[in-house]
Amino acid sequence: MAIAEKIRQFSEKSSWIRKMFEEGTVMKQKYGADQVYDFSLGNPDVPPPAAFGEALLRVCQHEQPGVHGYMANSGYPFVRDAIA
């Protein structure tokens, strides 16, 4: 099966995020995993605070329609108002 040229190019290039992740792996091998902290998006290697788990549980138990959906790119109006 042929692969689209654009997809082929994507597979040959590495994003800066991927490069940082790979550098972290090298640093863990060099300095020890206990000396390198990975706070990259979706890949933290430390446990979340207890308050996070409690908040997540509250959100998961919320039955309001749409509460588990995506927000608009501009954000939630109530948050924007609070920040403004």
C-alpha atoms as a PDB file:
ATOM      1  CA  MET A   1       0.000   0.000   0.000  1.00  0.00           C
ATOM      2  CA  ALA A   2       1.351   3.413  -0.924  1.00  0.00           C
ATOM      3  CA  ILE A   3       1.747   6.065   1.741  1.00  0.00           C
ATOM      4  CA  ALA A   4       0.842   9.698   1.174  1.00  0.00           C
ATOM      5  CA  GLU A   5       3.883  11.914   0.688  1.00  0.00           C
ATOM      6  CA  LYS A   6       2.860  14.284   3.477  1.00  0.00           C
ATOM      7  CA  ILE A   7       2.450  11.416   5.947  1.00  0.00           C
ATOM      8  CA  ARG A   8       5.808   9.975   4.911  1.00  0.00           C
ATOM      9  CA  GLN A   9       7.465  13.332   5.605  1.00  0.00           C
ATOM     10  CA  PHE A  10       5.805  13.527   9.031  1.00  0.00           C
ATOM     11  CA  SER A  11       7.133  10.094   9.925  1.00  0.00           C
ATOM     12  CA  GLU A  12      10.680  11.113   8.987  1.00  0.00           C
ATOM     13  CA  LYS A  13      10.701  14.325  11.025  1.00  0.00           C
ATOM     14  CA  SER A  14      10.736  14.607  14.776  1.00  0.00           C
ATOM     15  CA  SER A  15       8.882  17.323  16.659  1.00  0.00           C
ATOM     16  CA  TRP A  16      10.615  19.347  19.367  1.00  0.00           C
ATOM     17  CA  ILE A  17       8.344  17.681  21.907  1.00  0.00           C
ATOM     18  CA  ARG A  18       9.528  14.250  20.777  1.00  0.00           C
ATOM     19  CA  LYS A  19      13.154  15.439  20.897  1.00  0.00           C
ATOM     20  CA  MET A  20      12.704  16.672  24.471  1.00  0.00           C
ATOM     21  CA  PHE A  21      11.130  13.347  25.481  1.00  0.00           C
ATOM     22  CA  GLU A  22      14.017  11.419  23.919  1.00  0.00           C
ATOM     23  CA  GLU A  23      16.578  13.702  25.600  1.00  0.00           C
ATOM     24  CA  GLY A  24      14.881  13.021  28.935  1.00  0.00           C
ATOM     25  CA  THR A  25      15.284   9.292  28.358  1.00  0.00           C
ATOM     26  CA  VAL A  26      19.000   9.775  27.661  1.00  0.00           C
ATOM     27  CA  MET A  27      19.393  11.957  30.762  1.00  0.00           C
ATOM     28  CA  LYS A  28      17.647   9.356  32.947  1.00  0.00           C
ATOM     29  CA  GLN A  29      20.116   6.735  31.743  1.00  0.00           C
ATOM     30  CA  LYS A  30      23.051   9.075  32.321  1.00  0.00           C
ATOM     31  CA  TYR A  31      22.097  10.632  35.683  1.00  0.00           C
ATOM     32  CA  GLY A  32      19.537   8.177  37.076  1.00  0.00           C
ATOM     33  CA  ALA A  33      15.751   8.279  36.873  1.00  0.00           C
ATOM     34  CA  ASP A  34      15.534   9.769  40.375  1.00  0.00           C
ATOM     35  CA  GLN A  35      17.519  12.816  39.192  1.00  0.00           C
ATOM     36  CA  VAL A  36      15.416  13.696  36.111  1.00  0.00           C
ATOM     37  CA  TYR A  37      11.811  14.884  36.327  1.00  0.00           C
ATOM     38  CA  ASP A  38       9.492  14.515  33.338  1.00  0.00           C
ATOM     39  CA  PHE A  39       6.746  17.136  33.376  1.00  0.00           C
ATOM     40  CA  SER A  40       5.932  16.818  29.690  1.00  0.00           C
ATOM     41  CA  LEU A  41       2.316  16.918  28.626  1.00  0.00           C
ATOM     42  CA  GLY A  42       0.559  13.645  29.305  1.00  0.00           C
ATOM     43  CA  ASN A  43       3.702  11.967  30.537  1.00  0.00           C
ATOM     44  CA  PRO A  44       4.507  13.106  34.090  1.00  0.00           C
ATOM     45  CA  ASP A  45       6.484  10.620  36.126  1.00  0.00           C
ATOM     46  CA  VAL A  46       5.344  11.837  39.541  1.00  0.00           C
ATOM     47  CA  PRO A  47       2.006  10.996  41.152  1.00  0.00           C
ATOM     48  CA  PRO A  48      -0.697  13.675  40.999  1.00  0.00           C
ATOM     49  CA  PRO A  49      -1.669  15.485  44.193  1.00  0.00           C
ATOM     50  CA  ALA A  50      -4.588  13.993  46.126  1.00  0.00           C
ATOM     51  CA  ALA A  51      -6.656  17.116  45.372  1.00  0.00           C
ATOM     52  CA  PHE A  52      -6.439  16.308  41.657  1.00  0.00           C
ATOM     53  CA  GLY A  53      -7.913  12.832  42.150  1.00  0.00           C
ATOM     54  CA  GLU A  54     -10.685  14.245  44.312  1.00  0.00           C
ATOM     55  CA  ALA A  55     -11.551  16.916  41.724  1.00  0.00           C
ATOM     56  CA  LEU A  56     -11.449  14.361  38.905  1.00  0.00           C
ATOM     57  CA  LEU A  57     -13.837  12.108  40.802  1.00  0.00           C
ATOM     58  CA  ARG A  58     -16.268  15.011  41.328  1.00  0.00           C
ATOM     59  CA  VAL A  59     -16.208  15.866  37.606  1.00  0.00           C
ATOM     60  CA  CYS A  60     -16.699  12.230  36.575  1.00  0.00           C
ATOM     61  CA  GLN A  61     -19.732  11.924  38.844  1.00  0.00           C
ATOM     62  CA  HIS A  62     -21.308  15.121  37.487  1.00  0.00           C
ATOM     63  CA  GLU A  63     -24.351  14.286  35.356  1.00  0.00           C
ATOM     64  CA  GLN A  64     -24.903  17.665  33.662  1.00  0.00           C
ATOM     65  CA  PRO A  65     -25.075  17.215  29.851  1.00  0.00           C
ATOM     66  CA  GLY A  66     -22.001  18.518  28.069  1.00  0.00           C
ATOM     67  CA  VAL A  67     -19.784  18.611  31.143  1.00  0.00           C
ATOM     68  CA  HIS A  68     -17.445  16.029  29.598  1.00  0.00           C
ATOM     69  CA  GLY A  69     -17.257  17.724  26.170  1.00  0.00           C
ATOM     70  CA  TYR A  70     -14.717  20.047  24.609  1.00  0.00           C
ATOM     71  CA  MET A  71     -14.890  23.756  25.271  1.00  0.00           C
ATOM     72  CA  ALA A  72     -14.731  26.389  22.549  1.00  0.00           C
ATOM     73  CA  ASN A  73     -11.241  27.488  21.462  1.00  0.00           C
ATOM     74  CA  SER A  74     -11.851  30.847  23.114  1.00  0.00           C
ATOM     75  CA  GLY A  75     -12.435  29.138  26.472  1.00  0.00           C
ATOM     76  CA  TYR A  76     -15.312  29.155  28.912  1.00  0.00           C
ATOM     77  CA  PRO A  77     -17.002  32.572  29.203  1.00  0.00           C
ATOM     78  CA  PHE A  78     -17.155  32.369  33.027  1.00  0.00           C
ATOM     79  CA  VAL A  79     -13.392  31.771  33.187  1.00  0.00           C
ATOM     80  CA  ARG A  80     -12.649  34.581  30.728  1.00  0.00           C
ATOM     81  CA  ASP A  81     -14.845  36.933  32.789  1.00  0.00           C
ATOM     82  CA  ALA A  82     -13.066  35.967  36.010  1.00  0.00           C
ATOM     83  CA  ILE A  83      -9.638  36.576  34.465  1.00  0.00           C
ATOM     84  CA  ALA A  84     -10.584  39.882  32.801  1.00  0.00           C
END
